[in-house]
Amino acid sequence: MKGPLFDSGVRRIIAALAVAAVVLVTVGFVLEMVWLLGIGAWFLITAGLLEMIYRP
């Protein structure tokens, strides 16, 4: 299922994951909560993997 609608949907998901990762890492760093840093890191890893897999 390729096409402009599929591509824009995946790009929105990747952007949302990246924004969520930055927010979680920042909040985890400020509040010194390692588990938030870890979740943010996994979100960033997931966004990177999706970007590599679904790059047009």
PDB file of N, CA and C in Angstrom:
ATOM      1  N   MET A   1       0.845  -1.180   0.000  1.00  0.00           N
ATOM      2  CA  MET A   1       0.000   0.000   0.000  1.00  0.00           C
ATOM      3  C   MET A   1       0.890   1.243   0.000  1.00  0.00           C
ATOM      4  N   LYS A   2       1.292   1.617  -1.157  1.00  0.00           N
ATOM      5  CA  LYS A   2       2.129   2.808  -1.289  1.00  0.00           C
ATOM      6  C   LYS A   2       1.292   3.940  -1.862  1.00  0.00           C
ATOM      7  N   GLY A   3       1.734   5.122  -1.636  1.00  0.00           N
ATOM      8  CA  GLY A   3       1.031   6.276  -2.173  1.00  0.00           C
ATOM      9  C   GLY A   3       1.215   7.480  -1.285  1.00  0.00           C
ATOM     10  N   PRO A   4       0.706   8.625  -1.722  1.00  0.00           N
ATOM     11  CA  PRO A   4       0.908   9.851  -0.945  1.00  0.00           C
ATOM     12  C   PRO A   4       0.208   9.829   0.410  1.00  0.00           C
ATOM     13  N   LEU A   5      -0.954   9.179   0.506  1.00  0.00           N
ATOM     14  CA  LEU A   5      -1.646   9.135   1.793  1.00  0.00           C
ATOM     15  C   LEU A   5      -0.908   8.254   2.790  1.00  0.00           C
ATOM     16  N   PHE A   6      -0.397   7.124   2.312  1.00  0.00           N
ATOM     17  CA  PHE A   6       0.360   6.234   3.186  1.00  0.00           C
ATOM     18  C   PHE A   6       1.624   6.915   3.680  1.00  0.00           C
ATOM     19  N   ASP A   7       2.324   7.595   2.785  1.00  0.00           N
ATOM     20  CA  ASP A   7       3.582   8.251   3.134  1.00  0.00           C
ATOM     21  C   ASP A   7       3.356   9.363   4.156  1.00  0.00           C
ATOM     22  N   SER A   8       2.316  10.169   3.964  1.00  0.00           N
ATOM     23  CA  SER A   8       2.078  11.265   4.895  1.00  0.00           C
ATOM     24  C   SER A   8       1.668  10.743   6.272  1.00  0.00           C
ATOM     25  N   GLY A   9       0.943   9.633   6.305  1.00  0.00           N
ATOM     26  CA  GLY A   9       0.549   9.047   7.590  1.00  0.00           C
ATOM     27  C   GLY A   9       1.747   8.542   8.370  1.00  0.00           C
ATOM     28  N   VAL A  10       2.650   7.874   7.676  1.00  0.00           N
ATOM     29  CA  VAL A  10       3.854   7.359   8.330  1.00  0.00           C
ATOM     30  C   VAL A  10       4.729   8.519   8.786  1.00  0.00           C
ATOM     31  N   ARG A  11       4.845   9.551   7.950  1.00  0.00           N
ATOM     32  CA  ARG A  11       5.656  10.721   8.328  1.00  0.00           C
ATOM     33  C   ARG A  11       5.087  11.402   9.567  1.00  0.00           C
ATOM     34  N   ARG A  12       3.753  11.475   9.671  1.00  0.00           N
ATOM     35  CA  ARG A  12       3.137  12.079  10.866  1.00  0.00           C
ATOM     36  C   ARG A  12       3.429  11.254  12.109  1.00  0.00           C
ATOM     37  N   ILE A  13       3.405   9.936  11.972  1.00  0.00           N
ATOM     38  CA  ILE A  13       3.700   9.066  13.113  1.00  0.00           C
ATOM     39  C   ILE A  13       5.159   9.234  13.542  1.00  0.00           C
ATOM     40  N   ILE A  14       6.061   9.290  12.575  1.00  0.00           N
ATOM     41  CA  ILE A  14       7.480   9.469  12.884  1.00  0.00           C
ATOM     42  C   ILE A  14       7.711  10.811  13.567  1.00  0.00           C
ATOM     43  N   ALA A  15       7.067  11.861  13.059  1.00  0.00           N
ATOM     44  CA  ALA A  15       7.218  13.188  13.669  1.00  0.00           C
ATOM     45  C   ALA A  15       6.655  13.200  15.087  1.00  0.00           C
ATOM     46  N   ALA A  16       5.520  12.552  15.290  1.00  0.00           N
ATOM     47  CA  ALA A  16       4.926  12.503  16.624  1.00  0.00           C
ATOM     48  C   ALA A  16       5.819  11.746  17.596  1.00  0.00           C
ATOM     49  N   LEU A  17       6.400  10.634  17.135  1.00  0.00           N
ATOM     50  CA  LEU A  17       7.319   9.890  17.996  1.00  0.00           C
ATOM     51  C   LEU A  17       8.554  10.708  18.353  1.00  0.00           C
ATOM     52  N   ALA A  18       9.075  11.439  17.380  1.00  0.00           N
ATOM     53  CA  ALA A  18      10.267  12.252  17.634  1.00  0.00           C
ATOM     54  C   ALA A  18       9.966  13.369  18.629  1.00  0.00           C
ATOM     55  N   VAL A  19       8.823  14.017  18.473  1.00  0.00           N
ATOM     56  CA  VAL A  19       8.442  15.085  19.408  1.00  0.00           C
ATOM     57  C   VAL A  19       8.221  14.508  20.800  1.00  0.00           C
ATOM     58  N   ALA A  20       7.523  13.377  20.885  1.00  0.00           N
ATOM     59  CA  ALA A  20       7.296  12.743  22.187  1.00  0.00           C
ATOM     60  C   ALA A  20       8.613  12.338  22.834  1.00  0.00           C
ATOM     61  N   ALA A  21       9.560  11.853  22.030  1.00  0.00           N
ATOM     62  CA  ALA A  21      10.857  11.457  22.569  1.00  0.00           C
ATOM     63  C   ALA A  21      11.597  12.652  23.150  1.00  0.00           C
ATOM     64  N   VAL A  22      11.597  13.760  22.430  1.00  0.00           N
ATOM     65  CA  VAL A  22      12.288  14.959  22.916  1.00  0.00           C
ATOM     66  C   VAL A  22      11.638  15.457  24.209  1.00  0.00           C
ATOM     67  N   VAL A  23      10.321  15.461  24.258  1.00  0.00           N
ATOM     68  CA  VAL A  23       9.620  15.911  25.461  1.00  0.00           C
ATOM     69  C   VAL A  23       9.932  14.996  26.641  1.00  0.00           C
ATOM     70  N   LEU A  24       9.859  13.689  26.430  1.00  0.00           N
ATOM     71  CA  LEU A  24      10.115  12.746  27.523  1.00  0.00           C
ATOM     72  C   LEU A  24      11.555  12.826  28.023  1.00  0.00           C
ATOM     73  N   VAL A  25      12.506  12.927  27.101  1.00  0.00           N
ATOM     74  CA  VAL A  25      13.908  13.020  27.518  1.00  0.00           C
ATOM     75  C   VAL A  25      14.142  14.316  28.287  1.00  0.00           C
ATOM     76  N   THR A  26      13.574  15.416  27.819  1.00  0.00           N
ATOM     77  CA  THR A  26      13.746  16.701  28.500  1.00  0.00           C
ATOM     78  C   THR A  26      13.135  16.675  29.902  1.00  0.00           C
ATOM     79  N   VAL A  27      11.904  16.183  29.990  1.00  0.00           N
ATOM     80  CA  VAL A  27      11.241  16.115  31.302  1.00  0.00           C
ATOM     81  C   VAL A  27      11.977  15.151  32.220  1.00  0.00           C
ATOM     82  N   GLY A  28      12.415  14.018  31.685  1.00  0.00           N
ATOM     83  CA  GLY A  28      13.168  13.059  32.494  1.00  0.00           C
ATOM     84  C   GLY A  28      14.475  13.637  32.999  1.00  0.00           C
ATOM     85  N   PHE A  29      15.145  14.433  32.160  1.00  0.00           N
ATOM     86  CA  PHE A  29      16.401  15.059  32.576  1.00  0.00           C
ATOM     87  C   PHE A  29      16.158  16.111  33.654  1.00  0.00           C
ATOM     88  N   VAL A  30      15.112  16.932  33.452  1.00  0.00           N
ATOM     89  CA  VAL A  30      14.829  18.003  34.419  1.00  0.00           C
ATOM     90  C   VAL A  30      14.385  17.434  35.758  1.00  0.00           C
ATOM     91  N   LEU A  31      13.519  16.417  35.727  1.00  0.00           N
ATOM     92  CA  LEU A  31      13.010  15.836  36.967  1.00  0.00           C
ATOM     93  C   LEU A  31      13.897  14.715  37.517  1.00  0.00           C
ATOM     94  N   GLU A  32      14.977  14.407  36.802  1.00  0.00           N
ATOM     95  CA  GLU A  32      15.919  13.357  37.189  1.00  0.00           C
ATOM     96  C   GLU A  32      15.226  12.007  37.365  1.00  0.00           C
ATOM     97  N   MET A  33      14.367  11.675  36.401  1.00  0.00           N
ATOM     98  CA  MET A  33      13.675  10.387  36.403  1.00  0.00           C
ATOM     99  C   MET A  33      14.224   9.553  35.248  1.00  0.00           C
ATOM    100  N   VAL A  34      14.986   8.533  35.607  1.00  0.00           N
ATOM    101  CA  VAL A  34      15.668   7.733  34.611  1.00  0.00           C
ATOM    102  C   VAL A  34      14.674   6.969  33.739  1.00  0.00           C
ATOM    103  N   TRP A  35      13.554   6.552  34.290  1.00  0.00           N
ATOM    104  CA  TRP A  35      12.597   5.783  33.494  1.00  0.00           C
ATOM    105  C   TRP A  35      11.999   6.627  32.373  1.00  0.00           C
ATOM    106  N   LEU A  36      11.823   7.934  32.584  1.00  0.00           N
ATOM    107  CA  LEU A  36      11.351   8.802  31.506  1.00  0.00           C
ATOM    108  C   LEU A  36      12.423   8.960  30.434  1.00  0.00           C
ATOM    109  N   LEU A  37      13.671   9.057  30.851  1.00  0.00           N
ATOM    110  CA  LEU A  37      14.771   9.103  29.882  1.00  0.00           C
ATOM    111  C   LEU A  37      14.796   7.831  29.035  1.00  0.00           C
ATOM    112  N   GLY A  38      14.579   6.703  29.672  1.00  0.00           N
ATOM    113  CA  GLY A  38      14.584   5.427  28.953  1.00  0.00           C
ATOM    114  C   GLY A  38      13.452   5.313  27.951  1.00  0.00           C
ATOM    115  N   ILE A  39      12.261   5.713  28.362  1.00  0.00           N
ATOM    116  CA  ILE A  39      11.115   5.672  27.442  1.00  0.00           C
ATOM    117  C   ILE A  39      11.346   6.625  26.274  1.00  0.00           C
ATOM    118  N   GLY A  40      11.862   7.816  26.568  1.00  0.00           N
ATOM    119  CA  GLY A  40      12.165   8.769  25.506  1.00  0.00           C
ATOM    120  C   GLY A  40      13.211   8.233  24.540  1.00  0.00           C
ATOM    121  N   ALA A  41      14.207   7.539  25.066  1.00  0.00           N
ATOM    122  CA  ALA A  41      15.237   6.948  24.206  1.00  0.00           C
ATOM    123  C   ALA A  41      14.633   5.880  23.296  1.00  0.00           C
ATOM    124  N   TRP A  42      13.745   5.045  23.844  1.00  0.00           N
ATOM    125  CA  TRP A  42      13.106   4.027  23.013  1.00  0.00           C
ATOM    126  C   TRP A  42      12.198   4.641  21.955  1.00  0.00           C
ATOM    127  N   PHE A  43      11.515   5.723  22.284  1.00  0.00           N
ATOM    128  CA  PHE A  43      10.702   6.425  21.276  1.00  0.00           C
ATOM    129  C   PHE A  43      11.592   6.945  20.158  1.00  0.00           C
ATOM    130  N   LEU A  44      12.752   7.497  20.515  1.00  0.00           N
ATOM    131  CA  LEU A  44      13.677   8.021  19.515  1.00  0.00           C
ATOM    132  C   LEU A  44      14.245   6.894  18.646  1.00  0.00           C
ATOM    133  N   ILE A  45      14.558   5.769  19.247  1.00  0.00           N
ATOM    134  CA  ILE A  45      15.035   4.612  18.496  1.00  0.00           C
ATOM    135  C   ILE A  45      13.957   4.129  17.534  1.00  0.00           C
ATOM    136  N   THR A  46      12.714   4.061  18.002  1.00  0.00           N
ATOM    137  CA  THR A  46      11.596   3.624  17.161  1.00  0.00           C
ATOM    138  C   THR A  46      11.384   4.576  15.995  1.00  0.00           C
ATOM    139  N   ALA A  47      11.445   5.874  16.254  1.00  0.00           N
ATOM    140  CA  ALA A  47      11.280   6.854  15.182  1.00  0.00           C
ATOM    141  C   ALA A  47      12.406   6.714  14.153  1.00  0.00           C
ATOM    142  N   GLY A  48      13.621   6.496  14.604  1.00  0.00           N
ATOM    143  CA  GLY A  48      14.740   6.307  13.690  1.00  0.00           C
ATOM    144  C   GLY A  48      14.603   5.068  12.833  1.00  0.00           C
ATOM    145  N   LEU A  49      14.170   3.960  13.458  1.00  0.00           N
ATOM    146  CA  LEU A  49      13.975   2.734  12.697  1.00  0.00           C
ATOM    147  C   LEU A  49      12.854   2.869  11.672  1.00  0.00           C
ATOM    148  N   LEU A  50      11.754   3.502  12.074  1.00  0.00           N
ATOM    149  CA  LEU A  50      10.659   3.723  11.116  1.00  0.00           C
ATOM    150  C   LEU A  50      11.098   4.616   9.965  1.00  0.00           C
ATOM    151  N   GLU A  51      11.909   5.616  10.262  1.00  0.00           N
ATOM    152  CA  GLU A  51      12.404   6.493   9.209  1.00  0.00           C
ATOM    153  C   GLU A  51      13.276   5.719   8.224  1.00  0.00           C
ATOM    154  N   MET A  52      14.112   4.809   8.737  1.00  0.00           N
ATOM    155  CA  MET A  52      14.967   4.034   7.852  1.00  0.00           C
ATOM    156  C   MET A  52      14.155   3.033   7.024  1.00  0.00           C
ATOM    157  N   ILE A  53      13.135   2.425   7.607  1.00  0.00           N
ATOM    158  CA  ILE A  53      12.363   1.404   6.916  1.00  0.00           C
ATOM    159  C   ILE A  53      11.435   2.028   5.871  1.00  0.00           C
ATOM    160  N   TYR A  54      10.742   3.114   6.206  1.00  0.00           N
ATOM    161  CA  TYR A  54       9.718   3.674   5.332  1.00  0.00           C
ATOM    162  C   TYR A  54      10.184   4.886   4.535  1.00  0.00           C
ATOM    163  N   ARG A  55      11.478   5.070   4.409  1.00  0.00           N
ATOM    164  CA  ARG A  55      11.984   6.189   3.615  1.00  0.00           C
ATOM    165  C   ARG A  55      11.624   5.965   2.145  1.00  0.00           C
ATOM    166  N   PRO A  56      10.954   6.922   1.523  1.00  0.00           N
ATOM    167  CA  PRO A  56      10.557   6.731   0.115  1.00  0.00           C
ATOM    168  C   PRO A  56      11.737   6.833  -0.838  1.00  0.00           C
TER     169      PRO A  56
END
